[in-house]
Amino acid sequence: MKTLSPQNLPENIQSFSYDRDAVDVGIVHFGVGNFHRAHQAVYVEDLLEKGNLQWGIAGVSLRSAGVRDALAPQDYIYTLALLGEQTKYRIIGALKNIVVAPETPQAVLDYLANPKTQIVSSTITEKGYYLSSGEVDFEQPALKAEAESLTSPSTIYGFLAKGLIKRCKATPDAKLTIMCCDNISGGGELLAQGVKTLLGKHDKAALAWTESHVSFISSMVDRVSPATDDALVETIAQATDRRDAAPVSAEHFSQWIIEENFAGARPDFDKVGADFAESIVPFERMKLGYLNAGHTLVSTLGYLSGDEYVHEALRHPDILQFMRQTLYENVLPYAGMPKGYDGPSYIAAVVDRFQNASLPYANLQVGTDSSQKIQQRWFPTLNLALGQENESPYFAFCLAAWFVFIETALQKGVLNDPKKSDFEQVTETNIAKKLRAFLTLCNAENHAFFTQLAFITAIEGHVQNIQTHGIKVALRNFLDGSHS
């Protein structure tokens, strides 16, 4: 079987028509995982098809060489499978190169300093931002080291800071937009906080230059893109008669809301399906509070129920009912919707998307980094509800299930979380004390609900019920009205 190429493909495979050799790199993207390649890269691909050839992408991996090694032999092109009742295939050529930062850090800096680079974007997941209580945590070892010296940067903040120092000296007139595309609130502000802190320590002239030449913006992204497995690789091979080492899949739905605050050139993403907005905060809150919160909720219950995938979990009537009622009763009254959006309709769409059996989203994959995710997805809504002296019984059960999920995943050796070792070091056997210890590791002590005795007591009761009777019986009892 041949290596993937854009030529001589079956008629059912869409390929690009632009001259790929004429494409310049205008975007440097940190984190070239599945989501980026199934989302932002596709918008860029559509721009290239319109003749905007200055917006090719150079990817940066801060850790693993896996994606680079898989894609380099096929010149960084790959297949996108759009999953639904009928799967559609498309060859994506927007990615021009991938550099692995630990191997060739100078190559990363050269891209950042190149005046053709107009945008730096990121999808590095929550843990890549080194957050604590919603702020960049310079007490973490990697950032401590960069605060002392930028000789060997390892985080996105360190590379950006060192790259901006180089850029302001080499091409002082070249402006730059740095854009967060991760599911974290105010991502652009966090990038600005980390980068400017480092510049303040190492090069105040570069900091002053950054203030006038660089903007840090946020965006809200939405598309389900499951992990690539052997089945997808084989399906692609059968459909294209080409071996693709790193294809990606996604649902047909895609949304991208971008903050309108570009320092320099702005791609016409609004002409290929994205939207620009003065503020993306309402959209962030909507996605985090409904879709992302629901995803974490279902995956937690699904894993404890023995299901591998999210869509399988929603085949359980009790999990489906619980998810709907959580969003309707404990989210919708407190988490606002952007102008023009209808809450019930959005919730219905979220449920439909999660039920798509063509999107095998693994519960454990969704549960990755959950100690970070629940801080963004559950805690803000909880604060709003309890701040209005309202109860949140569904979230009490969610947190109990999350606690049991952490315990179970630890015992089975499958927990993927930046706080894994910290969880392992909690030796407390008393449920109440252990629960508080786990929540403290998620910075819950900085949130209003942590001091609400009745709420914490309710969580403890649900933990006991789940541990005693199992998640299915405990969930049925909850839905029957046993909320305490």
Protein backbone atom coordinates (compact mmCIF):
# COMPACT_ATOMS: atom_id res chain seq x y z
CA MET A 1 0.00 0.00 0.00
CA LYS A 2 1.29 3.46 -0.94
CA THR A 3 2.16 6.31 1.42
CA LEU A 4 -0.54 8.96 1.59
CA SER A 5 -0.42 11.55 -1.19
CA PRO A 6 -2.98 14.04 -2.55
CA GLN A 7 -2.84 12.62 -6.07
CA ASN A 8 -4.78 9.80 -7.74
CA LEU A 9 -7.25 9.39 -4.90
CA PRO A 10 -10.68 7.77 -5.20
CA GLU A 11 -13.48 10.16 -6.15
CA ASN A 12 -14.99 10.01 -2.66
CA ILE A 13 -11.86 11.57 -1.12
CA GLN A 14 -11.60 15.36 -1.28
CA SER A 15 -8.09 16.73 -1.77
CA PHE A 16 -6.68 20.26 -1.97
CA SER A 17 -6.35 22.14 -5.23
CA TYR A 18 -3.93 24.93 -4.22
CA ASP A 19 -0.19 24.94 -4.93
CA ARG A 20 1.17 23.66 -1.62
CA ASP A 21 4.74 24.59 -2.55
CA ALA A 22 3.65 28.24 -2.71
CA VAL A 23 2.25 28.24 0.83
CA ASP A 24 4.16 30.30 3.41
CA VAL A 25 4.10 29.69 7.15
CA GLY A 26 2.06 32.47 8.75
CA ILE A 27 0.86 30.58 11.83
CA VAL A 28 2.98 28.82 14.44
CA HIS A 29 0.89 26.44 16.50
CA PHE A 30 1.88 24.87 19.81
CA GLY A 31 0.25 21.47 20.30
CA VAL A 32 -0.36 19.60 17.04
CA GLY A 33 -2.63 16.94 18.49
CA ASN A 34 -5.84 15.58 17.03
CA PHE A 35 -8.00 18.54 17.98
CA HIS A 36 -5.89 21.16 16.25
CA ARG A 37 -5.58 19.07 13.12
CA ALA A 38 -9.35 18.45 13.04
CA HIS A 39 -10.36 22.02 13.88
CA GLN A 40 -8.16 25.10 13.36
CA ALA A 41 -6.11 23.46 10.63
CA VAL A 42 -9.31 22.80 8.68
CA TYR A 43 -10.29 26.48 8.79
CA VAL A 44 -6.78 27.31 7.55
CA GLU A 45 -7.17 24.70 4.83
CA ASP A 46 -10.33 26.46 3.65
CA LEU A 47 -8.45 29.77 3.55
CA LEU A 48 -5.68 28.23 1.46
CA GLU A 49 -8.30 26.92 -0.96
CA LYS A 50 -9.48 30.52 -1.35
CA GLY A 51 -5.97 31.54 -2.40
CA ASN A 52 -4.78 33.00 0.92
CA LEU A 53 -1.46 31.16 0.77
CA GLN A 54 0.29 33.16 3.51
CA TRP A 55 -1.42 31.20 6.30
CA GLY A 56 0.31 27.83 6.31
CA ILE A 57 0.99 26.26 9.71
CA ALA A 58 4.24 25.23 11.40
CA GLY A 59 3.48 23.01 14.37
CA VAL A 60 5.45 22.91 17.60
CA SER A 61 5.47 19.94 19.97
CA LEU A 62 6.64 20.84 23.46
CA ARG A 63 7.22 17.20 24.41
CA SER A 64 6.68 14.20 22.16
CA ALA A 65 8.07 13.61 18.68
CA GLY A 66 5.31 11.10 17.89
CA VAL A 67 3.14 13.24 15.60
CA ARG A 68 6.19 14.66 13.81
CA ASP A 69 7.64 11.20 13.23
CA ALA A 70 4.32 9.90 11.93
CA LEU A 71 3.61 12.78 9.58
CA ALA A 72 7.09 13.68 8.27
CA PRO A 73 7.32 10.71 5.84
CA GLN A 74 4.04 11.83 4.24
CA ASP A 75 5.10 15.51 4.04
CA TYR A 76 2.77 16.44 6.93
CA ILE A 77 -0.44 15.89 4.99
CA TYR A 78 -3.10 13.73 6.64
CA THR A 79 -6.66 12.51 6.28
CA LEU A 80 -9.65 13.99 8.09
CA ALA A 81 -12.62 11.65 8.47
CA LEU A 82 -15.90 13.46 9.16
CA LEU A 83 -18.05 10.97 11.04
CA GLY A 84 -21.79 10.65 10.84
CA GLU A 85 -24.37 8.54 9.08
CA GLN A 86 -22.09 8.80 6.07
CA THR A 87 -18.35 9.31 6.61
CA LYS A 88 -16.62 11.86 4.41
CA TYR A 89 -12.88 11.98 3.83
CA ARG A 90 -10.64 14.94 3.14
CA ILE A 91 -6.86 15.37 2.71
CA ILE A 92 -5.51 18.33 4.71
CA GLY A 93 -2.33 20.09 3.58
CA ALA A 94 -2.29 23.20 5.80
CA LEU A 95 0.40 21.80 8.10
CA LYS A 96 3.77 22.53 6.51
CA ASN A 97 6.17 21.38 9.21
CA ILE A 98 6.43 20.18 12.82
CA VAL A 99 9.37 20.95 15.08
CA VAL A 100 9.92 19.23 18.40
CA ALA A 101 10.97 21.89 20.88
CA PRO A 102 13.25 19.77 23.12
CA GLU A 103 15.16 18.56 20.05
CA THR A 104 15.46 21.81 18.08
CA PRO A 105 14.57 24.76 20.31
CA GLN A 106 16.32 27.20 17.97
CA ALA A 107 13.96 26.22 15.15
CA VAL A 108 11.02 27.22 17.35
CA LEU A 109 12.61 30.59 18.11
CA ASP A 110 13.38 31.18 14.43
CA TYR A 111 9.72 30.66 13.54
CA LEU A 112 8.62 33.03 16.31
CA ALA A 113 11.03 35.73 15.13
CA ASN A 114 10.21 35.39 11.44
CA PRO A 115 8.16 38.43 10.32
CA LYS A 116 6.04 36.18 8.10
CA THR A 117 4.70 34.62 11.28
CA GLN A 118 1.63 36.70 12.13
CA ILE A 119 -0.14 34.39 14.59
CA VAL A 120 1.02 32.03 17.33
CA SER A 121 -1.74 29.76 18.59
CA SER A 122 -2.01 26.98 21.14
CA THR A 123 -3.87 23.81 22.02
CA ILE A 124 -1.73 22.39 24.81
CA THR A 125 -4.51 21.30 27.23
CA GLU A 126 -5.07 22.73 30.71
CA LYS A 127 -1.90 21.31 32.25
CA GLY A 128 0.28 23.08 29.67
CA TYR A 129 -0.63 26.43 31.22
CA TYR A 130 0.65 25.56 34.74
CA LEU A 131 -2.34 27.05 36.53
CA SER A 132 -3.25 27.30 40.17
CA SER A 133 -6.49 28.97 41.25
CA GLY A 134 -6.93 30.31 37.73
CA GLU A 135 -3.53 32.02 37.61
CA VAL A 136 -0.17 31.06 36.14
CA ASP A 137 1.74 29.35 38.97
CA PHE A 138 5.39 30.38 38.98
CA GLU A 139 6.02 28.10 41.94
CA GLN A 140 5.91 25.12 39.61
CA PRO A 141 9.44 23.86 38.83
CA ALA A 142 9.40 24.45 35.08
CA LEU A 143 8.32 28.06 35.46
CA LYS A 144 10.64 28.64 38.40
CA ALA A 145 13.52 27.55 36.19
CA GLU A 146 12.44 29.87 33.39
CA ALA A 147 12.07 32.77 35.81
CA GLU A 148 15.72 32.26 36.73
CA SER A 149 16.97 31.69 33.17
CA LEU A 150 15.59 31.45 29.63
CA THR A 151 18.63 29.57 28.38
CA SER A 152 16.65 26.33 28.03
CA PRO A 153 12.92 27.11 27.90
CA SER A 154 10.50 24.20 28.26
CA THR A 155 7.03 25.77 28.59
CA ILE A 156 5.01 27.76 26.10
CA TYR A 157 5.66 30.87 28.21
CA GLY A 158 9.40 30.40 28.07
CA PHE A 159 9.51 29.83 24.33
CA LEU A 160 7.22 32.77 23.64
CA ALA A 161 9.20 35.09 25.89
CA LYS A 162 12.52 34.11 24.36
CA GLY A 163 11.01 34.25 20.87
CA LEU A 164 9.64 37.74 21.47
CA ILE A 165 13.03 38.93 22.70
CA LYS A 166 14.55 37.65 19.46
CA ARG A 167 11.72 39.09 17.34
CA CYS A 168 11.85 42.58 18.81
CA LYS A 169 15.58 42.78 18.06
CA ALA A 170 15.53 41.16 14.62
CA THR A 171 12.27 42.58 13.18
CA PRO A 172 11.10 45.36 15.51
CA ASP A 173 8.30 46.50 13.17
CA ALA A 174 6.71 43.06 12.91
CA LYS A 175 3.54 42.79 14.99
CA LEU A 176 2.21 39.49 16.31
CA THR A 177 -1.02 38.00 17.65
CA ILE A 178 -0.83 35.22 20.24
CA MET A 179 -4.07 33.27 20.43
CA CYS A 180 -5.23 30.65 22.91
CA CYS A 181 -7.43 27.92 21.40
CA ASP A 182 -7.76 25.77 24.53
CA ASN A 183 -10.84 25.20 26.64
CA ILE A 184 -9.76 27.48 29.45
CA SER A 185 -11.37 30.74 30.46
CA GLY A 186 -9.42 33.84 29.49
CA GLY A 187 -6.65 31.87 27.82
CA GLY A 188 -5.22 34.89 26.08
CA GLU A 189 -4.92 36.73 29.37
CA LEU A 190 -3.14 33.76 30.92
CA LEU A 191 -0.64 33.64 28.06
CA ALA A 192 -0.05 37.36 28.50
CA GLN A 193 0.42 36.95 32.24
CA GLY A 194 3.02 34.20 31.90
CA VAL A 195 4.94 35.74 29.01
CA LYS A 196 5.04 39.27 30.43
CA THR A 197 6.15 38.01 33.83
CA LEU A 198 9.13 36.32 32.22
CA LEU A 199 9.93 39.33 30.04
CA GLY A 200 9.81 41.55 33.11
CA LYS A 201 12.48 39.39 34.70
CA HIS A 202 14.73 38.99 31.68
CA ASP A 203 14.30 41.85 29.19
CA LYS A 204 12.30 44.96 30.09
CA ALA A 205 12.94 46.48 26.66
CA ALA A 206 11.32 43.45 25.03
CA LEU A 207 8.45 43.75 27.51
CA ALA A 208 7.87 47.38 26.47
CA TRP A 209 8.02 46.35 22.81
CA THR A 210 5.54 43.54 23.45
CA GLU A 211 3.06 45.95 25.00
CA SER A 212 2.83 47.88 21.73
CA HIS A 213 3.45 45.18 19.13
CA VAL A 214 1.82 41.98 20.46
CA SER A 215 -1.78 41.17 21.32
CA PHE A 216 -2.90 38.18 23.36
CA ILE A 217 -6.36 36.96 22.47
CA SER A 218 -8.73 34.15 23.38
CA SER A 219 -10.96 32.03 21.22
CA MET A 220 -13.73 29.54 21.86
CA VAL A 221 -13.39 26.27 19.97
CA ASP A 222 -15.85 23.43 19.68
CA ARG A 223 -15.59 20.17 17.79
CA VAL A 224 -15.50 16.61 19.05
CA SER A 225 -12.37 14.88 17.76
CA PRO A 226 -11.78 11.41 19.22
CA ALA A 227 -8.39 9.80 19.69
CA THR A 228 -7.09 7.99 16.61
CA ASP A 229 -7.11 4.21 16.93
CA ASP A 230 -6.12 1.29 14.74
CA ALA A 231 -9.67 0.97 13.43
CA LEU A 232 -9.58 4.50 12.00
CA VAL A 233 -6.17 3.91 10.43
CA GLU A 234 -7.48 0.74 8.77
CA THR A 235 -10.69 2.41 7.61
CA ILE A 236 -8.68 5.21 6.01
CA ALA A 237 -6.43 2.69 4.30
CA GLN A 238 -9.39 0.81 2.85
CA ALA A 239 -11.10 4.00 1.67
CA THR A 240 -8.06 5.67 0.09
CA ASP A 241 -5.72 2.79 -0.74
CA ARG A 242 -3.10 4.89 1.05
CA ARG A 243 -1.47 4.28 4.40
CA ASP A 244 -1.94 7.32 6.66
CA ALA A 245 0.11 7.04 9.83
CA ALA A 246 -1.79 9.77 11.69
CA PRO A 247 -5.31 10.45 10.41
CA VAL A 248 -7.86 12.31 12.53
CA SER A 249 -11.62 12.09 12.84
CA ALA A 250 -14.26 14.56 13.93
CA GLU A 251 -17.95 15.25 13.97
CA HIS A 252 -19.42 17.42 11.23
CA PHE A 253 -20.21 20.20 13.72
CA SER A 254 -17.49 22.83 14.15
CA GLN A 255 -17.50 26.21 15.86
CA TRP A 256 -14.81 28.85 16.37
CA ILE A 257 -15.43 32.23 18.02
CA ILE A 258 -12.36 34.48 17.92
CA GLU A 259 -11.71 37.64 19.93
CA GLU A 260 -11.41 40.60 17.55
CA ASN A 261 -8.10 42.05 18.75
CA PHE A 262 -5.37 41.26 16.23
CA ALA A 263 -2.12 43.20 16.47
CA GLY A 264 -1.17 42.64 12.86
CA ALA A 265 -2.62 40.80 9.89
CA ARG A 266 -5.89 39.00 10.49
CA PRO A 267 -6.88 35.90 8.49
CA ASP A 268 -10.35 35.99 6.97
CA PHE A 269 -11.56 33.15 9.14
CA ASP A 270 -15.03 34.68 9.12
CA LYS A 271 -15.22 33.81 5.40
CA VAL A 272 -14.70 30.11 6.14
CA GLY A 273 -17.14 29.59 8.98
CA ALA A 274 -15.57 31.19 12.07
CA ASP A 275 -16.97 34.23 13.88
CA PHE A 276 -15.21 37.25 15.36
CA ALA A 277 -16.57 38.80 18.55
CA GLU A 278 -15.62 41.75 20.72
CA SER A 279 -15.68 39.43 23.73
CA ILE A 280 -15.75 35.65 23.73
CA VAL A 281 -16.46 35.40 27.47
CA PRO A 282 -20.17 34.58 27.02
CA PHE A 283 -19.28 31.88 24.49
CA GLU A 284 -16.57 30.43 26.74
CA ARG A 285 -18.98 30.26 29.63
CA MET A 286 -21.59 28.59 27.48
CA LYS A 287 -19.26 25.90 26.20
CA LEU A 288 -17.47 25.26 29.49
CA GLY A 289 -20.65 25.35 31.55
CA TYR A 290 -22.79 23.17 29.31
CA LEU A 291 -20.88 21.12 26.75
CA ASN A 292 -17.58 20.61 28.56
CA ALA A 293 -19.27 20.20 31.93
CA GLY A 294 -21.61 17.63 30.44
CA HIS A 295 -18.75 15.78 28.75
CA THR A 296 -16.87 15.39 32.03
CA LEU A 297 -20.08 14.42 33.82
CA VAL A 298 -21.04 11.67 31.35
CA SER A 299 -17.52 10.28 31.05
CA THR A 300 -17.21 10.02 34.83
CA LEU A 301 -20.50 8.17 35.24
CA GLY A 302 -19.81 6.10 32.15
CA TYR A 303 -16.42 4.95 33.36
CA LEU A 304 -17.83 3.94 36.74
CA SER A 305 -20.63 2.09 34.92
CA GLY A 306 -18.10 0.02 32.97
CA ASP A 307 -18.60 1.74 29.61
CA GLU A 308 -15.67 2.49 27.34
CA TYR A 309 -17.21 5.34 25.36
CA VAL A 310 -19.36 8.41 26.01
CA HIS A 311 -22.10 7.39 23.56
CA GLU A 312 -22.34 4.00 25.29
CA ALA A 313 -22.78 5.70 28.65
CA LEU A 314 -25.71 7.70 27.29
CA ARG A 315 -27.49 4.50 26.32
CA HIS A 316 -28.18 4.08 30.04
CA PRO A 317 -31.49 5.87 30.61
CA ASP A 318 -30.42 6.98 34.10
CA ILE A 319 -27.19 8.60 32.89
CA LEU A 320 -29.05 10.31 30.04
CA GLN A 321 -31.71 11.58 32.44
CA PHE A 322 -29.12 12.71 34.98
CA MET A 323 -27.14 14.66 32.37
CA ARG A 324 -30.22 16.42 31.03
CA GLN A 325 -31.51 17.32 34.48
CA THR A 326 -28.11 18.55 35.65
CA LEU A 327 -27.88 20.95 32.71
CA TYR A 328 -31.49 22.07 32.98
CA GLU A 329 -31.76 22.36 36.78
CA ASN A 330 -28.25 23.11 38.06
CA VAL A 331 -26.66 24.94 35.09
CA LEU A 332 -29.29 26.75 33.02
CA PRO A 333 -30.68 28.92 35.87
CA TYR A 334 -27.20 30.31 36.66
CA ALA A 335 -24.97 30.08 33.57
CA GLY A 336 -26.07 32.65 31.02
CA MET A 337 -26.27 32.19 27.26
CA PRO A 338 -24.84 34.56 24.61
CA LYS A 339 -27.29 36.81 22.86
CA GLY A 340 -29.17 34.91 20.19
CA TYR A 341 -28.70 31.48 21.79
CA ASP A 342 -31.50 29.45 23.35
CA GLY A 343 -30.56 27.41 26.42
CA PRO A 344 -32.88 24.41 25.96
CA SER A 345 -32.00 24.14 22.27
CA TYR A 346 -28.28 24.26 23.04
CA ILE A 347 -28.65 21.55 25.70
CA ALA A 348 -30.58 19.36 23.26
CA ALA A 349 -27.84 19.80 20.66
CA VAL A 350 -25.16 18.90 23.22
CA VAL A 351 -26.96 15.67 24.11
CA ASP A 352 -27.44 14.76 20.44
CA ARG A 353 -23.76 15.29 19.70
CA PHE A 354 -22.66 13.11 22.59
CA GLN A 355 -25.00 10.34 21.45
CA ASN A 356 -23.35 10.13 18.02
CA ALA A 357 -22.16 6.53 17.89
CA SER A 358 -19.84 7.41 15.02
CA LEU A 359 -17.72 9.38 17.52
CA PRO A 360 -16.17 6.80 19.85
CA TYR A 361 -14.94 9.26 22.49
CA ALA A 362 -13.33 7.16 25.26
CA ASN A 363 -14.47 7.95 28.80
CA LEU A 364 -10.91 7.69 30.09
CA GLN A 365 -9.71 10.10 27.40
CA VAL A 366 -12.32 12.66 28.46
CA GLY A 367 -11.31 11.99 32.08
CA THR A 368 -7.71 12.97 31.37
CA ASP A 369 -6.61 15.94 33.53
CA SER A 370 -9.98 15.97 35.31
CA SER A 371 -8.48 17.65 38.39
CA GLN A 372 -7.89 20.66 36.15
CA LYS A 373 -11.04 20.38 34.05
CA ILE A 374 -13.57 20.41 36.89
CA GLN A 375 -12.11 23.72 38.07
CA GLN A 376 -13.12 25.26 34.75
CA ARG A 377 -16.24 23.25 33.99
CA TRP A 378 -18.05 22.68 37.30
CA PHE A 379 -16.76 25.09 39.94
CA PRO A 380 -17.89 28.41 38.38
CA THR A 381 -21.50 27.26 38.08
CA LEU A 382 -21.41 25.92 41.62
CA ASN A 383 -20.20 29.30 42.87
CA LEU A 384 -23.02 31.08 41.05
CA ALA A 385 -25.68 28.76 42.44
CA LEU A 386 -24.49 28.68 46.04
CA GLY A 387 -23.80 32.41 45.92
CA GLN A 388 -27.52 32.85 45.32
CA GLU A 389 -28.24 30.54 48.28
CA ASN A 390 -29.51 27.80 45.98
CA GLU A 391 -28.68 24.13 46.26
CA SER A 392 -26.84 22.16 43.59
CA PRO A 393 -27.77 18.56 44.33
CA TYR A 394 -26.76 17.28 40.90
CA PHE A 395 -23.28 18.74 41.19
CA ALA A 396 -22.96 17.23 44.66
CA PHE A 397 -23.52 13.83 43.06
CA CYS A 398 -21.14 14.73 40.19
CA LEU A 399 -18.34 15.53 42.63
CA ALA A 400 -18.98 12.34 44.54
CA ALA A 401 -18.75 10.32 41.33
CA TRP A 402 -15.59 12.22 40.37
CA PHE A 403 -14.03 11.35 43.75
CA VAL A 404 -14.81 7.65 43.24
CA PHE A 405 -13.52 7.90 39.65
CA ILE A 406 -10.15 9.21 40.89
CA GLU A 407 -9.95 6.43 43.49
CA THR A 408 -10.90 3.73 40.98
CA ALA A 409 -8.61 4.93 38.21
CA LEU A 410 -5.73 5.13 40.67
CA GLN A 411 -6.35 1.59 41.87
CA LYS A 412 -6.45 0.31 38.29
CA GLY A 413 -3.36 2.29 37.29
CA VAL A 414 -5.14 4.16 34.49
CA LEU A 415 -5.39 7.69 35.90
CA ASN A 416 -3.90 10.31 33.57
CA ASP A 417 -3.77 13.50 35.59
CA PRO A 418 -1.09 16.07 36.54
CA LYS A 419 -2.12 15.58 40.19
CA LYS A 420 -1.79 11.79 40.07
CA SER A 421 1.18 11.57 42.43
CA ASP A 422 -0.50 14.01 44.82
CA PHE A 423 -3.66 11.91 44.88
CA GLU A 424 -1.55 8.81 45.52
CA GLN A 425 0.06 10.46 48.52
CA VAL A 426 -3.30 10.99 50.25
CA THR A 427 -3.33 8.10 52.74
CA GLU A 428 -6.38 9.25 54.70
CA THR A 429 -9.04 6.52 55.02
CA ASN A 430 -11.82 8.67 56.46
CA ILE A 431 -14.11 9.57 53.54
CA ALA A 432 -14.80 13.11 54.70
CA LYS A 433 -11.12 13.92 55.19
CA LYS A 434 -10.04 12.19 51.99
CA LEU A 435 -12.72 14.01 49.99
CA ARG A 436 -11.53 17.36 51.31
CA ALA A 437 -7.93 16.43 50.53
CA PHE A 438 -8.82 15.52 46.93
CA LEU A 439 -10.86 18.69 46.47
CA THR A 440 -8.06 20.78 47.96
CA LEU A 441 -5.72 19.39 45.28
CA CYS A 442 -8.17 20.93 42.80
CA ASN A 443 -7.98 24.30 44.55
CA ALA A 444 -11.55 23.94 45.82
CA GLU A 445 -10.68 25.83 49.00
CA ASN A 446 -10.67 28.98 46.87
CA HIS A 447 -14.31 28.47 45.91
CA ALA A 448 -17.46 29.24 47.85
CA PHE A 449 -18.87 25.72 47.86
CA PHE A 450 -15.91 24.36 49.84
CA THR A 451 -17.12 26.15 52.96
CA GLN A 452 -20.77 25.11 52.52
CA LEU A 453 -21.07 22.36 55.14
CA ALA A 454 -24.42 21.06 53.88
CA PHE A 455 -23.09 20.79 50.33
CA ILE A 456 -19.90 18.97 51.34
CA THR A 457 -21.91 16.66 53.61
CA ALA A 458 -24.16 15.83 50.65
CA ILE A 459 -21.11 14.87 48.59
CA GLU A 460 -19.89 12.60 51.39
CA GLY A 461 -23.27 10.86 51.51
CA HIS A 462 -23.22 10.22 47.76
CA VAL A 463 -19.67 8.86 47.98
CA GLN A 464 -20.79 6.36 50.59
CA ASN A 465 -23.78 5.32 48.48
CA ILE A 466 -21.65 4.85 45.36
CA GLN A 467 -19.01 2.88 47.23
CA THR A 468 -21.61 0.73 48.99
CA HIS A 469 -24.13 0.10 46.21
CA GLY A 470 -22.26 0.91 43.00
CA ILE A 471 -22.84 3.80 40.64
CA LYS A 472 -25.95 2.40 38.95
CA VAL A 473 -27.93 1.85 42.16
CA ALA A 474 -26.68 5.10 43.71
CA LEU A 475 -27.68 7.04 40.60
CA ARG A 476 -31.13 5.44 40.50
CA ASN A 477 -31.64 6.26 44.16
CA PHE A 478 -30.63 9.86 43.49
CA LEU A 479 -33.03 10.21 40.59
CA ASP A 480 -35.80 8.67 42.69
CA GLY A 481 -35.44 11.59 45.05
CA SER A 482 -32.79 10.49 47.55
CA HIS A 483 -30.69 13.66 47.12
CA SER A 484 -29.06 13.51 50.52
